[in-house]
Amino acid sequence: MRIGIVISNNNAETCWNALRYATFALKQKDEVKIFFIGKGVEYQKISTDKFNSVAVRKRTLAQPVKKEHRASSY
């Protein structure tokens, strides 16, 4: 399955859950693209101990994926 995730707000829990979903989907062998727009680009600044979006993002990037499934620059 091909999944696109758009993160457009700076709510810590929302960003954290979106990134956890991306990690889950990658583990299921789905193709995932994540787009940060607007306030969503602040996900690193809003990371907290409870909703650590930076750590989840690192786990998402660490998932093994096929070369053609790597996110590309647009």
PDB file of N, CA and C in Angstrom:
ATOM      1  N   MET A   1       0.843  -1.164   0.000  1.00  0.00           N
ATOM      2  CA  MET A   1       0.000   0.000   0.000  1.00  0.00           C
ATOM      3  C   MET A   1       0.899   1.242   0.000  1.00  0.00           C
ATOM      4  N   ARG A   2       0.446   2.302  -0.602  1.00  0.00           N
ATOM      5  CA  ARG A   2       1.169   3.574  -0.611  1.00  0.00           C
ATOM      6  C   ARG A   2       0.432   4.544   0.307  1.00  0.00           C
ATOM      7  N   ILE A   3       1.168   5.107   1.247  1.00  0.00           N
ATOM      8  CA  ILE A   3       0.566   5.978   2.255  1.00  0.00           C
ATOM      9  C   ILE A   3       1.292   7.326   2.254  1.00  0.00           C
ATOM     10  N   GLY A   4       0.529   8.388   2.226  1.00  0.00           N
ATOM     11  CA  GLY A   4       1.069   9.736   2.363  1.00  0.00           C
ATOM     12  C   GLY A   4       0.573  10.334   3.667  1.00  0.00           C
ATOM     13  N   ILE A   5       1.491  10.877   4.447  1.00  0.00           N
ATOM     14  CA  ILE A   5       1.134  11.486   5.732  1.00  0.00           C
ATOM     15  C   ILE A   5       1.550  12.949   5.679  1.00  0.00           C
ATOM     16  N   VAL A   6       0.604  13.837   5.956  1.00  0.00           N
ATOM     17  CA  VAL A   6       0.882  15.272   5.989  1.00  0.00           C
ATOM     18  C   VAL A   6       0.764  15.729   7.437  1.00  0.00           C
ATOM     19  N   ILE A   7       1.855  16.276   7.950  1.00  0.00           N
ATOM     20  CA  ILE A   7       1.859  16.811   9.316  1.00  0.00           C
ATOM     21  C   ILE A   7       1.912  18.322   9.193  1.00  0.00           C
ATOM     22  N   SER A   8       0.815  18.967   9.610  1.00  0.00           N
ATOM     23  CA  SER A   8       0.704  20.411   9.386  1.00  0.00           C
ATOM     24  C   SER A   8       0.441  21.209  10.660  1.00  0.00           C
ATOM     25  N   ASN A   9       0.541  20.561  11.814  1.00  0.00           N
ATOM     26  CA  ASN A   9       0.369  21.333  13.051  1.00  0.00           C
ATOM     27  C   ASN A   9       1.480  21.001  14.023  1.00  0.00           C
ATOM     28  N   ASN A  10       1.581  21.776  15.079  1.00  0.00           N
ATOM     29  CA  ASN A  10       2.674  21.576  16.035  1.00  0.00           C
ATOM     30  C   ASN A  10       2.164  21.047  17.374  1.00  0.00           C
ATOM     31  N   ASN A  11       1.125  20.224  17.328  1.00  0.00           N
ATOM     32  CA  ASN A  11       0.652  19.555  18.527  1.00  0.00           C
ATOM     33  C   ASN A  11       1.534  18.324  18.739  1.00  0.00           C
ATOM     34  N   ALA A  12       2.186  18.242  19.886  1.00  0.00           N
ATOM     35  CA  ALA A  12       3.165  17.176  20.147  1.00  0.00           C
ATOM     36  C   ALA A  12       2.561  15.781  20.000  1.00  0.00           C
ATOM     37  N   GLU A  13       1.384  15.565  20.562  1.00  0.00           N
ATOM     38  CA  GLU A  13       0.775  14.240  20.502  1.00  0.00           C
ATOM     39  C   GLU A  13       0.373  13.860  19.076  1.00  0.00           C
ATOM     40  N   THR A  14      -0.127  14.811  18.315  1.00  0.00           N
ATOM     41  CA  THR A  14      -0.535  14.544  16.936  1.00  0.00           C
ATOM     42  C   THR A  14       0.668  14.159  16.081  1.00  0.00           C
ATOM     43  N   CYS A  15       1.753  14.917  16.183  1.00  0.00           N
ATOM     44  CA  CYS A  15       2.969  14.606  15.424  1.00  0.00           C
ATOM     45  C   CYS A  15       3.519  13.241  15.821  1.00  0.00           C
ATOM     46  N   TRP A  16       3.549  12.976  17.105  1.00  0.00           N
ATOM     47  CA  TRP A  16       4.069  11.719  17.632  1.00  0.00           C
ATOM     48  C   TRP A  16       3.262  10.539  17.079  1.00  0.00           C
ATOM     49  N   ASN A  17       1.940  10.644  17.102  1.00  0.00           N
ATOM     50  CA  ASN A  17       1.095   9.559  16.603  1.00  0.00           C
ATOM     51  C   ASN A  17       1.235   9.371  15.092  1.00  0.00           C
ATOM     52  N   ALA A  18       1.359  10.443  14.346  1.00  0.00           N
ATOM     53  CA  ALA A  18       1.533  10.337  12.895  1.00  0.00           C
ATOM     54  C   ALA A  18       2.841   9.627  12.564  1.00  0.00           C
ATOM     55  N   LEU A  19       3.884   9.937  13.289  1.00  0.00           N
ATOM     56  CA  LEU A  19       5.173   9.294  13.050  1.00  0.00           C
ATOM     57  C   LEU A  19       5.163   7.835  13.497  1.00  0.00           C
ATOM     58  N   ARG A  20       4.456   7.531  14.570  1.00  0.00           N
ATOM     59  CA  ARG A  20       4.317   6.134  14.996  1.00  0.00           C
ATOM     60  C   ARG A  20       3.558   5.336  13.940  1.00  0.00           C
ATOM     61  N   TYR A  21       2.532   5.941  13.363  1.00  0.00           N
ATOM     62  CA  TYR A  21       1.785   5.283  12.295  1.00  0.00           C
ATOM     63  C   TYR A  21       2.692   5.007  11.091  1.00  0.00           C
ATOM     64  N   ALA A  22       3.538   5.957  10.746  1.00  0.00           N
ATOM     65  CA  ALA A  22       4.471   5.771   9.631  1.00  0.00           C
ATOM     66  C   ALA A  22       5.414   4.604   9.909  1.00  0.00           C
ATOM     67  N   THR A  23       5.919   4.519  11.126  1.00  0.00           N
ATOM     68  CA  THR A  23       6.805   3.416  11.492  1.00  0.00           C
ATOM     69  C   THR A  23       6.076   2.081  11.375  1.00  0.00           C
ATOM     70  N   PHE A  24       4.856   2.014  11.871  1.00  0.00           N
ATOM     71  CA  PHE A  24       4.058   0.795  11.784  1.00  0.00           C
ATOM     72  C   PHE A  24       3.845   0.392  10.322  1.00  0.00           C
ATOM     73  N   ALA A  25       3.476   1.360   9.493  1.00  0.00           N
ATOM     74  CA  ALA A  25       3.210   1.074   8.089  1.00  0.00           C
ATOM     75  C   ALA A  25       4.462   0.559   7.380  1.00  0.00           C
ATOM     76  N   LEU A  26       5.616   1.137   7.690  1.00  0.00           N
ATOM     77  CA  LEU A  26       6.858   0.661   7.089  1.00  0.00           C
ATOM     78  C   LEU A  26       7.163  -0.770   7.508  1.00  0.00           C
ATOM     79  N   LYS A  27       6.876  -1.097   8.753  1.00  0.00           N
ATOM     80  CA  LYS A  27       7.084  -2.474   9.222  1.00  0.00           C
ATOM     81  C   LYS A  27       6.168  -3.452   8.503  1.00  0.00           C
ATOM     82  N   GLN A  28       5.022  -2.959   8.022  1.00  0.00           N
ATOM     83  CA  GLN A  28       4.082  -3.792   7.263  1.00  0.00           C
ATOM     84  C   GLN A  28       4.445  -3.827   5.781  1.00  0.00           C
ATOM     85  N   LYS A  29       5.600  -3.263   5.436  1.00  0.00           N
ATOM     86  CA  LYS A  29       6.107  -3.233   4.052  1.00  0.00           C
ATOM     87  C   LYS A  29       5.334  -2.280   3.150  1.00  0.00           C
ATOM     88  N   ASP A  30       4.690  -1.281   3.738  1.00  0.00           N
ATOM     89  CA  ASP A  30       4.001  -0.264   2.954  1.00  0.00           C
ATOM     90  C   ASP A  30       4.987   0.821   2.537  1.00  0.00           C
ATOM     91  N   GLU A  31       4.671   1.519   1.471  1.00  0.00           N
ATOM     92  CA  GLU A  31       5.462   2.669   1.039  1.00  0.00           C
ATOM     93  C   GLU A  31       4.894   3.896   1.735  1.00  0.00           C
ATOM     94  N   VAL A  32       5.750   4.659   2.415  1.00  0.00           N
ATOM     95  CA  VAL A  32       5.291   5.804   3.197  1.00  0.00           C
ATOM     96  C   VAL A  32       6.067   7.054   2.806  1.00  0.00           C
ATOM     97  N   LYS A  33       5.343   8.126   2.608  1.00  0.00           N
ATOM     98  CA  LYS A  33       5.951   9.439   2.400  1.00  0.00           C
ATOM     99  C   LYS A  33       5.370  10.376   3.445  1.00  0.00           C
ATOM    100  N   ILE A  34       6.239  11.119   4.112  1.00  0.00           N
ATOM    101  CA  ILE A  34       5.818  12.062   5.148  1.00  0.00           C
ATOM    102  C   ILE A  34       6.160  13.465   4.678  1.00  0.00           C
ATOM    103  N   PHE A  35       5.177  14.348   4.772  1.00  0.00           N
ATOM    104  CA  PHE A  35       5.370  15.742   4.392  1.00  0.00           C
ATOM    105  C   PHE A  35       5.111  16.612   5.616  1.00  0.00           C
ATOM    106  N   PHE A  36       6.064  17.462   5.950  1.00  0.00           N
ATOM    107  CA  PHE A  36       5.909  18.423   7.033  1.00  0.00           C
ATOM    108  C   PHE A  36       5.670  19.785   6.390  1.00  0.00           C
ATOM    109  N   ILE A  37       4.527  20.394   6.698  1.00  0.00           N
ATOM    110  CA  ILE A  37       4.232  21.717   6.160  1.00  0.00           C
ATOM    111  C   ILE A  37       3.724  22.614   7.281  1.00  0.00           C
ATOM    112  N   GLY A  38       3.777  23.901   7.050  1.00  0.00           N
ATOM    113  CA  GLY A  38       3.280  24.859   8.048  1.00  0.00           C
ATOM    114  C   GLY A  38       3.955  24.656   9.393  1.00  0.00           C
ATOM    115  N   LYS A  39       3.152  24.655  10.435  1.00  0.00           N
ATOM    116  CA  LYS A  39       3.687  24.484  11.785  1.00  0.00           C
ATOM    117  C   LYS A  39       4.217  23.077  12.031  1.00  0.00           C
ATOM    118  N   GLY A  40       3.897  22.138  11.151  1.00  0.00           N
ATOM    119  CA  GLY A  40       4.386  20.774  11.296  1.00  0.00           C
ATOM    120  C   GLY A  40       5.896  20.658  11.225  1.00  0.00           C
ATOM    121  N   VAL A  41       6.555  21.630  10.589  1.00  0.00           N
ATOM    122  CA  VAL A  41       8.013  21.574  10.496  1.00  0.00           C
ATOM    123  C   VAL A  41       8.677  21.788  11.861  1.00  0.00           C
ATOM    124  N   GLU A  42       7.896  22.181  12.845  1.00  0.00           N
ATOM    125  CA  GLU A  42       8.429  22.416  14.196  1.00  0.00           C
ATOM    126  C   GLU A  42       8.427  21.144  15.050  1.00  0.00           C
ATOM    127  N   TYR A  43       8.269  19.973  14.434  1.00  0.00           N
ATOM    128  CA  TYR A  43       8.124  18.746  15.229  1.00  0.00           C
ATOM    129  C   TYR A  43       9.300  18.516  16.163  1.00  0.00           C
ATOM    130  N   GLN A  44      10.492  18.981  15.813  1.00  0.00           N
ATOM    131  CA  GLN A  44      11.657  18.800  16.685  1.00  0.00           C
ATOM    132  C   GLN A  44      11.578  19.711  17.914  1.00  0.00           C
ATOM    133  N   LYS A  45      11.039  20.890  17.744  1.00  0.00           N
ATOM    134  CA  LYS A  45      10.951  21.853  18.850  1.00  0.00           C
ATOM    135  C   LYS A  45       9.887  21.469  19.871  1.00  0.00           C
ATOM    136  N   ILE A  46       8.851  20.765  19.429  1.00  0.00           N
ATOM    137  CA  ILE A  46       7.729  20.465  20.326  1.00  0.00           C
ATOM    138  C   ILE A  46       7.827  19.089  20.961  1.00  0.00           C
ATOM    139  N   SER A  47       8.884  18.363  20.644  1.00  0.00           N
ATOM    140  CA  SER A  47       9.070  17.032  21.205  1.00  0.00           C
ATOM    141  C   SER A  47       9.190  17.118  22.724  1.00  0.00           C
ATOM    142  N   THR A  48       8.492  16.226  23.424  1.00  0.00           N
ATOM    143  CA  THR A  48       8.529  16.196  24.889  1.00  0.00           C
ATOM    144  C   THR A  48       8.945  14.800  25.351  1.00  0.00           C
ATOM    145  N   ASP A  49       9.135  14.633  26.649  1.00  0.00           N
ATOM    146  CA  ASP A  49       9.465  13.306  27.169  1.00  0.00           C
ATOM    147  C   ASP A  49       8.342  12.317  26.890  1.00  0.00           C
ATOM    148  N   LYS A  50       7.110  12.749  27.047  1.00  0.00           N
ATOM    149  CA  LYS A  50       5.963  11.861  26.835  1.00  0.00           C
ATOM    150  C   LYS A  50       5.707  11.608  25.351  1.00  0.00           C
ATOM    151  N   PHE A  51       5.821  12.646  24.530  1.00  0.00           N
ATOM    152  CA  PHE A  51       5.579  12.543  23.087  1.00  0.00           C
ATOM    153  C   PHE A  51       6.861  12.918  22.348  1.00  0.00           C
ATOM    154  N   ASN A  52       7.817  11.986  22.359  1.00  0.00           N
ATOM    155  CA  ASN A  52       9.138  12.248  21.801  1.00  0.00           C
ATOM    156  C   ASN A  52       9.132  11.982  20.289  1.00  0.00           C
ATOM    157  N   SER A  53       8.711  12.990  19.540  1.00  0.00           N
ATOM    158  CA  SER A  53       8.591  12.843  18.090  1.00  0.00           C
ATOM    159  C   SER A  53       9.955  12.711  17.412  1.00  0.00           C
ATOM    160  N   VAL A  54      11.004  13.260  18.001  1.00  0.00           N
ATOM    161  CA  VAL A  54      12.339  13.148  17.418  1.00  0.00           C
ATOM    162  C   VAL A  54      12.804  11.692  17.447  1.00  0.00           C
ATOM    163  N   ALA A  55      12.610  11.011  18.569  1.00  0.00           N
ATOM    164  CA  ALA A  55      13.008   9.600  18.673  1.00  0.00           C
ATOM    165  C   ALA A  55      12.201   8.724  17.726  1.00  0.00           C
ATOM    166  N   VAL A  56      10.907   9.001  17.606  1.00  0.00           N
ATOM    167  CA  VAL A  56      10.063   8.214  16.707  1.00  0.00           C
ATOM    168  C   VAL A  56      10.487   8.446  15.265  1.00  0.00           C
ATOM    169  N   ARG A  57      10.828   9.675  14.926  1.00  0.00           N
ATOM    170  CA  ARG A  57      11.285   9.986  13.561  1.00  0.00           C
ATOM    171  C   ARG A  57      12.556   9.205  13.241  1.00  0.00           C
ATOM    172  N   LYS A  58      13.474   9.114  14.203  1.00  0.00           N
ATOM    173  CA  LYS A  58      14.701   8.343  13.984  1.00  0.00           C
ATOM    174  C   LYS A  58      14.384   6.867  13.768  1.00  0.00           C
ATOM    175  N   ARG A  59      13.432   6.325  14.526  1.00  0.00           N
ATOM    176  CA  ARG A  59      13.031   4.925  14.343  1.00  0.00           C
ATOM    177  C   ARG A  59      12.375   4.729  12.978  1.00  0.00           C
ATOM    178  N   THR A  60      11.598   5.714  12.547  1.00  0.00           N
ATOM    179  CA  THR A  60      10.954   5.631  11.241  1.00  0.00           C
ATOM    180  C   THR A  60      12.006   5.573  10.141  1.00  0.00           C
ATOM    181  N   LEU A  61      13.006   6.414  10.235  1.00  0.00           N
ATOM    182  CA  LEU A  61      14.059   6.435   9.222  1.00  0.00           C
ATOM    183  C   LEU A  61      14.923   5.183   9.269  1.00  0.00           C
ATOM    184  N   ALA A  62      14.980   4.518  10.410  1.00  0.00           N
ATOM    185  CA  ALA A  62      15.806   3.324  10.560  1.00  0.00           C
ATOM    186  C   ALA A  62      15.159   2.080   9.981  1.00  0.00           C
ATOM    187  N   GLN A  63      13.890   2.149   9.600  1.00  0.00           N
ATOM    188  CA  GLN A  63      13.193   0.982   9.064  1.00  0.00           C
ATOM    189  C   GLN A  63      13.787   0.602   7.710  1.00  0.00           C
ATOM    190  N   PRO A  64      14.094  -0.684   7.524  1.00  0.00           N
ATOM    191  CA  PRO A  64      14.612  -1.110   6.213  1.00  0.00           C
ATOM    192  C   PRO A  64      13.508  -1.018   5.160  1.00  0.00           C
ATOM    193  N   VAL A  65      13.815  -0.378   4.067  1.00  0.00           N
ATOM    194  CA  VAL A  65      12.864  -0.260   2.964  1.00  0.00           C
ATOM    195  C   VAL A  65      13.601  -0.508   1.660  1.00  0.00           C
ATOM    196  N   LYS A  66      12.845  -0.864   0.645  1.00  0.00           N
ATOM    197  CA  LYS A  66      13.438  -1.048  -0.672  1.00  0.00           C
ATOM    198  C   LYS A  66      13.954   0.288  -1.170  1.00  0.00           C
ATOM    199  N   LYS A  67      15.008   0.253  -1.946  1.00  0.00           N
ATOM    200  CA  LYS A  67      15.626   1.481  -2.435  1.00  0.00           C
ATOM    201  C   LYS A  67      14.624   2.382  -3.139  1.00  0.00           C
ATOM    202  N   GLU A  68      13.755   1.808  -3.965  1.00  0.00           N
ATOM    203  CA  GLU A  68      12.797   2.636  -4.704  1.00  0.00           C
ATOM    204  C   GLU A  68      11.726   3.236  -3.809  1.00  0.00           C
ATOM    205  N   HIS A  69      11.665   2.796  -2.548  1.00  0.00           N
ATOM    206  CA  HIS A  69      10.668   3.333  -1.624  1.00  0.00           C
ATOM    207  C   HIS A  69      11.214   4.459  -0.745  1.00  0.00           C
ATOM    208  N   ARG A  70      12.468   4.803  -0.910  1.00  0.00           N
ATOM    209  CA  ARG A  70      13.014   5.925  -0.162  1.00  0.00           C
ATOM    210  C   ARG A  70      12.323   7.215  -0.607  1.00  0.00           C
ATOM    211  N   ALA A  71      12.104   8.092   0.329  1.00  0.00           N
ATOM    212  CA  ALA A  71      11.476   9.364  -0.005  1.00  0.00           C
ATOM    213  C   ALA A  71      12.395  10.154  -0.937  1.00  0.00           C
ATOM    214  N   SER A  72      11.814  10.804  -1.882  1.00  0.00           N
ATOM    215  CA  SER A  72      12.601  11.599  -2.814  1.00  0.00           C
ATOM    216  C   SER A  72      12.312  13.078  -2.590  1.00  0.00           C
ATOM    217  N   SER A  73      13.236  13.898  -3.011  1.00  0.00           N
ATOM    218  CA  SER A  73      13.061  15.343  -2.878  1.00  0.00           C
ATOM    219  C   SER A  73      12.202  15.856  -4.021  1.00  0.00           C
ATOM    220  N   TYR A  74      11.330  16.758  -3.706  1.00  0.00           N
ATOM    221  CA  TYR A  74      10.485  17.346  -4.741  1.00  0.00           C
ATOM    222  C   TYR A  74      10.799  18.789  -4.894  1.00  0.00           C
TER     223      TYR A  74
END
